[in-house]
Amino acid sequence: MPGMDSKPTPQSIVDALTAVQRDIVACGPTSFDEAKAIPTGLFSCGEIWESDSGDEWLVWEPTALGARVRDLL
């Protein structure tokens, strides 16, 4: 069937976002709870490790799709 495996477009994702989700996408998630509140595939999670202090941080980077969605907000 045509369209069965079609992926949502960046515009259709933007159109479906709530105001809270738009804020999360615009600024990037700051926690796993925020990341779970937005459509999957918009951000990827990475880790930064500071070798001198041993501190670690999680960072959320927009994927190509996430960047396109963010540009449309």
PDB file of N, CA and C in Angstrom:
ATOM      1  N   MET A   1       0.829  -1.184   0.000  1.00  0.00           N
ATOM      2  CA  MET A   1       0.000   0.000   0.000  1.00  0.00           C
ATOM      3  C   MET A   1       0.876   1.252   0.000  1.00  0.00           C
ATOM      4  N   PRO A   2       0.558   2.197  -0.821  1.00  0.00           N
ATOM      5  CA  PRO A   2       1.338   3.429  -0.847  1.00  0.00           C
ATOM      6  C   PRO A   2       1.218   4.183   0.469  1.00  0.00           C
ATOM      7  N   GLY A   3       2.346   4.748   0.897  1.00  0.00           N
ATOM      8  CA  GLY A   3       2.326   5.579   2.096  1.00  0.00           C
ATOM      9  C   GLY A   3       2.449   4.826   3.401  1.00  0.00           C
ATOM     10  N   MET A   4       2.440   3.509   3.371  1.00  0.00           N
ATOM     11  CA  MET A   4       2.492   2.737   4.604  1.00  0.00           C
ATOM     12  C   MET A   4       3.822   2.923   5.331  1.00  0.00           C
ATOM     13  N   ASP A   5       4.903   3.051   4.600  1.00  0.00           N
ATOM     14  CA  ASP A   5       6.200   3.178   5.236  1.00  0.00           C
ATOM     15  C   ASP A   5       6.729   4.613   5.169  1.00  0.00           C
ATOM     16  N   SER A   6       5.856   5.558   4.856  1.00  0.00           N
ATOM     17  CA  SER A   6       6.311   6.939   4.754  1.00  0.00           C
ATOM     18  C   SER A   6       6.577   7.501   6.142  1.00  0.00           C
ATOM     19  N   LYS A   7       7.596   8.331   6.198  1.00  0.00           N
ATOM     20  CA  LYS A   7       7.974   8.961   7.459  1.00  0.00           C
ATOM     21  C   LYS A   7       7.329  10.333   7.526  1.00  0.00           C
ATOM     22  N   PRO A   8       7.074  10.820   8.733  1.00  0.00           N
ATOM     23  CA  PRO A   8       6.500  12.164   8.839  1.00  0.00           C
ATOM     24  C   PRO A   8       7.482  13.215   8.340  1.00  0.00           C
ATOM     25  N   THR A   9       6.946  14.246   7.771  1.00  0.00           N
ATOM     26  CA  THR A   9       7.779  15.343   7.298  1.00  0.00           C
ATOM     27  C   THR A   9       8.098  16.277   8.467  1.00  0.00           C
ATOM     28  N   PRO A  10       9.152  17.052   8.355  1.00  0.00           N
ATOM     29  CA  PRO A  10       9.426  18.029   9.415  1.00  0.00           C
ATOM     30  C   PRO A  10       8.223  18.940   9.688  1.00  0.00           C
ATOM     31  N   GLN A  11       7.546  19.370   8.632  1.00  0.00           N
ATOM     32  CA  GLN A  11       6.383  20.253   8.830  1.00  0.00           C
ATOM     33  C   GLN A  11       5.256  19.526   9.554  1.00  0.00           C
ATOM     34  N   SER A  12       5.011  18.252   9.233  1.00  0.00           N
ATOM     35  CA  SER A  12       3.946  17.526   9.922  1.00  0.00           C
ATOM     36  C   SER A  12       4.287  17.310  11.391  1.00  0.00           C
ATOM     37  N   ILE A  13       5.570  17.154  11.691  1.00  0.00           N
ATOM     38  CA  ILE A  13       5.986  17.030  13.090  1.00  0.00           C
ATOM     39  C   ILE A  13       5.741  18.341  13.818  1.00  0.00           C
ATOM     40  N   VAL A  14       6.148  19.453  13.215  1.00  0.00           N
ATOM     41  CA  VAL A  14       5.924  20.768  13.821  1.00  0.00           C
ATOM     42  C   VAL A  14       4.444  20.993  14.067  1.00  0.00           C
ATOM     43  N   ASP A  15       3.617  20.662  13.084  1.00  0.00           N
ATOM     44  CA  ASP A  15       2.178  20.871  13.199  1.00  0.00           C
ATOM     45  C   ASP A  15       1.566  20.068  14.336  1.00  0.00           C
ATOM     46  N   ALA A  16       2.158  18.936  14.675  1.00  0.00           N
ATOM     47  CA  ALA A  16       1.616  18.057  15.715  1.00  0.00           C
ATOM     48  C   ALA A  16       2.152  18.371  17.112  1.00  0.00           C
ATOM     49  N   LEU A  17       3.172  19.209  17.221  1.00  0.00           N
ATOM     50  CA  LEU A  17       3.755  19.504  18.526  1.00  0.00           C
ATOM     51  C   LEU A  17       2.851  20.390  19.367  1.00  0.00           C
ATOM     52  N   THR A  18       2.817  20.093  20.668  1.00  0.00           N
ATOM     53  CA  THR A  18       2.124  20.974  21.609  1.00  0.00           C
ATOM     54  C   THR A  18       3.038  22.150  21.925  1.00  0.00           C
ATOM     55  N   ALA A  19       2.526  23.133  22.630  1.00  0.00           N
ATOM     56  CA  ALA A  19       3.338  24.290  23.015  1.00  0.00           C
ATOM     57  C   ALA A  19       4.521  23.854  23.885  1.00  0.00           C
ATOM     58  N   VAL A  20       4.297  22.932  24.807  1.00  0.00           N
ATOM     59  CA  VAL A  20       5.376  22.444  25.672  1.00  0.00           C
ATOM     60  C   VAL A  20       6.428  21.718  24.841  1.00  0.00           C
ATOM     61  N   GLN A  21       5.992  20.884  23.913  1.00  0.00           N
ATOM     62  CA  GLN A  21       6.930  20.165  23.057  1.00  0.00           C
ATOM     63  C   GLN A  21       7.729  21.125  22.183  1.00  0.00           C
ATOM     64  N   ARG A  22       7.083  22.173  21.700  1.00  0.00           N
ATOM     65  CA  ARG A  22       7.788  23.172  20.888  1.00  0.00           C
ATOM     66  C   ARG A  22       8.917  23.821  21.683  1.00  0.00           C
ATOM     67  N   ASP A  23       8.644  24.125  22.958  1.00  0.00           N
ATOM     68  CA  ASP A  23       9.672  24.720  23.813  1.00  0.00           C
ATOM     69  C   ASP A  23      10.848  23.764  23.998  1.00  0.00           C
ATOM     70  N   ILE A  24      10.554  22.482  24.210  1.00  0.00           N
ATOM     71  CA  ILE A  24      11.611  21.491  24.400  1.00  0.00           C
ATOM     72  C   ILE A  24      12.451  21.370  23.134  1.00  0.00           C
ATOM     73  N   VAL A  25      11.791  21.303  21.983  1.00  0.00           N
ATOM     74  CA  VAL A  25      12.522  21.166  20.723  1.00  0.00           C
ATOM     75  C   VAL A  25      13.338  22.427  20.444  1.00  0.00           C
ATOM     76  N   ALA A  26      12.787  23.577  20.731  1.00  0.00           N
ATOM     77  CA  ALA A  26      13.491  24.845  20.469  1.00  0.00           C
ATOM     78  C   ALA A  26      14.766  24.965  21.304  1.00  0.00           C
ATOM     79  N   CYS A  27      14.706  24.526  22.545  1.00  0.00           N
ATOM     80  CA  CYS A  27      15.855  24.672  23.454  1.00  0.00           C
ATOM     81  C   CYS A  27      16.685  23.400  23.574  1.00  0.00           C
ATOM     82  N   GLY A  28      16.129  22.283  23.185  1.00  0.00           N
ATOM     83  CA  GLY A  28      16.780  20.993  23.370  1.00  0.00           C
ATOM     84  C   GLY A  28      16.406  20.410  24.714  1.00  0.00           C
ATOM     85  N   PRO A  29      16.219  19.110  24.778  1.00  0.00           N
ATOM     86  CA  PRO A  29      15.873  18.491  26.056  1.00  0.00           C
ATOM     87  C   PRO A  29      17.017  18.616  27.056  1.00  0.00           C
ATOM     88  N   THR A  30      16.655  18.700  28.329  1.00  0.00           N
ATOM     89  CA  THR A  30      17.658  18.782  29.386  1.00  0.00           C
ATOM     90  C   THR A  30      17.591  17.574  30.316  1.00  0.00           C
ATOM     91  N   SER A  31      16.690  16.639  30.012  1.00  0.00           N
ATOM     92  CA  SER A  31      16.560  15.435  30.830  1.00  0.00           C
ATOM     93  C   SER A  31      15.931  14.335  29.981  1.00  0.00           C
ATOM     94  N   PHE A  32      16.009  13.120  30.498  1.00  0.00           N
ATOM     95  CA  PHE A  32      15.372  12.017  29.792  1.00  0.00           C
ATOM     96  C   PHE A  32      13.856  12.180  29.774  1.00  0.00           C
ATOM     97  N   ASP A  33      13.285  12.765  30.820  1.00  0.00           N
ATOM     98  CA  ASP A  33      11.833  13.002  30.836  1.00  0.00           C
ATOM     99  C   ASP A  33      11.424  13.946  29.716  1.00  0.00           C
ATOM    100  N   GLU A  34      12.186  15.003  29.514  1.00  0.00           N
ATOM    101  CA  GLU A  34      11.887  15.924  28.413  1.00  0.00           C
ATOM    102  C   GLU A  34      12.084  15.236  27.070  1.00  0.00           C
ATOM    103  N   ALA A  35      13.128  14.435  26.959  1.00  0.00           N
ATOM    104  CA  ALA A  35      13.379  13.737  25.692  1.00  0.00           C
ATOM    105  C   ALA A  35      12.243  12.771  25.375  1.00  0.00           C
ATOM    106  N   LYS A  36      11.664  12.144  26.406  1.00  0.00           N
ATOM    107  CA  LYS A  36      10.545  11.228  26.185  1.00  0.00           C
ATOM    108  C   LYS A  36       9.264  11.963  25.804  1.00  0.00           C
ATOM    109  N   ALA A  37       9.201  13.260  26.104  1.00  0.00           N
ATOM    110  CA  ALA A  37       7.991  14.040  25.843  1.00  0.00           C
ATOM    111  C   ALA A  37       7.892  14.544  24.404  1.00  0.00           C
ATOM    112  N   ILE A  38       8.948  14.349  23.620  1.00  0.00           N
ATOM    113  CA  ILE A  38       8.931  14.812  22.226  1.00  0.00           C
ATOM    114  C   ILE A  38       9.059  13.607  21.297  1.00  0.00           C
ATOM    115  N   PRO A  39       8.708  13.764  20.035  1.00  0.00           N
ATOM    116  CA  PRO A  39       8.831  12.649  19.099  1.00  0.00           C
ATOM    117  C   PRO A  39      10.261  12.104  19.048  1.00  0.00           C
ATOM    118  N   THR A  40      10.375  10.804  18.896  1.00  0.00           N
ATOM    119  CA  THR A  40      11.696  10.190  18.820  1.00  0.00           C
ATOM    120  C   THR A  40      12.384  10.578  17.520  1.00  0.00           C
ATOM    121  N   GLY A  41      13.693  10.578  17.565  1.00  0.00           N
ATOM    122  CA  GLY A  41      14.485  10.837  16.376  1.00  0.00           C
ATOM    123  C   GLY A  41      14.871  12.281  16.157  1.00  0.00           C
ATOM    124  N   LEU A  42      14.441  13.183  17.046  1.00  0.00           N
ATOM    125  CA  LEU A  42      14.778  14.594  16.862  1.00  0.00           C
ATOM    126  C   LEU A  42      16.109  14.958  17.507  1.00  0.00           C
ATOM    127  N   PHE A  43      16.502  14.221  18.542  1.00  0.00           N
ATOM    128  CA  PHE A  43      17.757  14.480  19.250  1.00  0.00           C
ATOM    129  C   PHE A  43      18.448  13.159  19.553  1.00  0.00           C
ATOM    130  N   SER A  44      19.756  13.217  19.629  1.00  0.00           N
ATOM    131  CA  SER A  44      20.520  12.065  20.088  1.00  0.00           C
ATOM    132  C   SER A  44      21.260  12.478  21.358  1.00  0.00           C
ATOM    133  N   CYS A  45      21.461  11.514  22.212  1.00  0.00           N
ATOM    134  CA  CYS A  45      22.101  11.776  23.498  1.00  0.00           C
ATOM    135  C   CYS A  45      23.558  11.360  23.421  1.00  0.00           C
ATOM    136  N   GLY A  46      24.424  12.233  23.902  1.00  0.00           N
ATOM    137  CA  GLY A  46      25.842  11.937  23.957  1.00  0.00           C
ATOM    138  C   GLY A  46      26.377  12.242  25.336  1.00  0.00           C
ATOM    139  N   GLU A  47      27.628  11.949  25.528  1.00  0.00           N
ATOM    140  CA  GLU A  47      28.241  12.149  26.828  1.00  0.00           C
ATOM    141  C   GLU A  47      29.552  12.902  26.654  1.00  0.00           C
ATOM    142  N   ILE A  48      29.776  13.849  27.533  1.00  0.00           N
ATOM    143  CA  ILE A  48      31.045  14.570  27.564  1.00  0.00           C
ATOM    144  C   ILE A  48      31.728  14.210  28.872  1.00  0.00           C
ATOM    145  N   TRP A  49      32.983  13.842  28.778  1.00  0.00           N
ATOM    146  CA  TRP A  49      33.753  13.476  29.956  1.00  0.00           C
ATOM    147  C   TRP A  49      34.941  14.400  30.088  1.00  0.00           C
ATOM    148  N   GLU A  50      35.068  15.023  31.227  1.00  0.00           N
ATOM    149  CA  GLU A  50      36.184  15.922  31.523  1.00  0.00           C
ATOM    150  C   GLU A  50      37.307  15.101  32.134  1.00  0.00           C
ATOM    151  N   SER A  51      38.395  14.953  31.404  1.00  0.00           N
ATOM    152  CA  SER A  51      39.473  14.069  31.854  1.00  0.00           C
ATOM    153  C   SER A  51      40.179  14.576  33.109  1.00  0.00           C
ATOM    154  N   ASP A  52      40.273  15.881  33.287  1.00  0.00           N
ATOM    155  CA  ASP A  52      40.968  16.408  34.465  1.00  0.00           C
ATOM    156  C   ASP A  52      40.194  16.178  35.757  1.00  0.00           C
ATOM    157  N   SER A  53      38.895  16.425  35.713  1.00  0.00           N
ATOM    158  CA  SER A  53      38.087  16.310  36.931  1.00  0.00           C
ATOM    159  C   SER A  53      37.331  14.992  37.019  1.00  0.00           C
ATOM    160  N   GLY A  54      37.156  14.317  35.898  1.00  0.00           N
ATOM    161  CA  GLY A  54      36.377  13.084  35.883  1.00  0.00           C
ATOM    162  C   GLY A  54      34.876  13.322  35.813  1.00  0.00           C
ATOM    163  N   ASP A  55      34.465  14.576  35.655  1.00  0.00           N
ATOM    164  CA  ASP A  55      33.036  14.891  35.561  1.00  0.00           C
ATOM    165  C   ASP A  55      32.480  14.435  34.219  1.00  0.00           C
ATOM    166  N   GLU A  56      31.202  14.046  34.235  1.00  0.00           N
ATOM    167  CA  GLU A  56      30.510  13.639  33.017  1.00  0.00           C
ATOM    168  C   GLU A  56      29.240  14.456  32.858  1.00  0.00           C
ATOM    169  N   TRP A  57      28.898  14.764  31.619  1.00  0.00           N
ATOM    170  CA  TRP A  57      27.653  15.469  31.306  1.00  0.00           C
ATOM    171  C   TRP A  57      26.975  14.777  30.138  1.00  0.00           C
ATOM    172  N   LEU A  58      25.651  14.735  30.200  1.00  0.00           N
ATOM    173  CA  LEU A  58      24.884  14.274  29.050  1.00  0.00           C
ATOM    174  C   LEU A  58      24.530  15.488  28.214  1.00  0.00           C
ATOM    175  N   VAL A  59      24.657  15.358  26.926  1.00  0.00           N
ATOM    176  CA  VAL A  59      24.294  16.444  26.018  1.00  0.00           C
ATOM    177  C   VAL A  59      23.328  15.895  24.973  1.00  0.00           C
ATOM    178  N   TRP A  60      22.407  16.728  24.585  1.00  0.00           N
ATOM    179  CA  TRP A  60      21.419  16.359  23.575  1.00  0.00           C
ATOM    180  C   TRP A  60      21.709  17.167  22.327  1.00  0.00           C
ATOM    181  N   GLU A  61      22.028  16.487  21.251  1.00  0.00           N
ATOM    182  CA  GLU A  61      22.329  17.135  19.981  1.00  0.00           C
ATOM    183  C   GLU A  61      21.193  16.856  18.999  1.00  0.00           C
ATOM    184  N   PRO A  62      20.751  17.879  18.264  1.00  0.00           N
ATOM    185  CA  PRO A  62      19.703  17.620  17.281  1.00  0.00           C
ATOM    186  C   PRO A  62      20.220  16.728  16.154  1.00  0.00           C
ATOM    187  N   THR A  63      19.376  15.817  15.727  1.00  0.00           N
ATOM    188  CA  THR A  63      19.676  15.021  14.536  1.00  0.00           C
ATOM    189  C   THR A  63      19.394  15.898  13.320  1.00  0.00           C
ATOM    190  N   ALA A  64      19.639  15.386  12.132  1.00  0.00           N
ATOM    191  CA  ALA A  64      19.318  16.146  10.916  1.00  0.00           C
ATOM    192  C   ALA A  64      17.827  16.480  10.885  1.00  0.00           C
ATOM    193  N   LEU A  65      16.996  15.507  11.240  1.00  0.00           N
ATOM    194  CA  LEU A  65      15.555  15.756  11.276  1.00  0.00           C
ATOM    195  C   LEU A  65      15.226  16.781  12.355  1.00  0.00           C
ATOM    196  N   GLY A  66      15.834  16.648  13.520  1.00  0.00           N
ATOM    197  CA  GLY A  66      15.580  17.591  14.603  1.00  0.00           C
ATOM    198  C   GLY A  66      15.960  19.014  14.227  1.00  0.00           C
ATOM    199  N   ALA A  67      17.069  19.159  13.510  1.00  0.00           N
ATOM    200  CA  ALA A  67      17.480  20.499  13.080  1.00  0.00           C
ATOM    201  C   ALA A  67      16.480  21.089  12.099  1.00  0.00           C
ATOM    202  N   ARG A  68      15.950  20.263  11.192  1.00  0.00           N
ATOM    203  CA  ARG A  68      14.956  20.752  10.233  1.00  0.00           C
ATOM    204  C   ARG A  68      13.665  21.154  10.952  1.00  0.00           C
ATOM    205  N   VAL A  69      13.253  20.342  11.933  1.00  0.00           N
ATOM    206  CA  VAL A  69      12.046  20.674  12.703  1.00  0.00           C
ATOM    207  C   VAL A  69      12.268  21.965  13.472  1.00  0.00           C
ATOM    208  N   ARG A  70      13.404  22.087  14.124  1.00  0.00           N
ATOM    209  CA  ARG A  70      13.711  23.302  14.896  1.00  0.00           C
ATOM    210  C   ARG A  70      13.705  24.531  14.001  1.00  0.00           C
ATOM    211  N   ASP A  71      14.230  24.414  12.793  1.00  0.00           N
ATOM    212  CA  ASP A  71      14.259  25.544  11.865  1.00  0.00           C
ATOM    213  C   ASP A  71      12.846  26.013  11.481  1.00  0.00           C
ATOM    214  N   LEU A  72      11.876  25.110  11.553  1.00  0.00           N
ATOM    215  CA  LEU A  72      10.509  25.455  11.181  1.00  0.00           C
ATOM    216  C   LEU A  72       9.684  26.044  12.321  1.00  0.00           C
ATOM    217  N   LEU A  73      10.217  25.989  13.528  1.00  0.00           N
ATOM    218  CA  LEU A  73       9.459  26.525  14.673  1.00  0.00           C
ATOM    219  C   LEU A  73       9.356  28.029  14.612  1.00  0.00           C
TER     220      LEU A  73
END
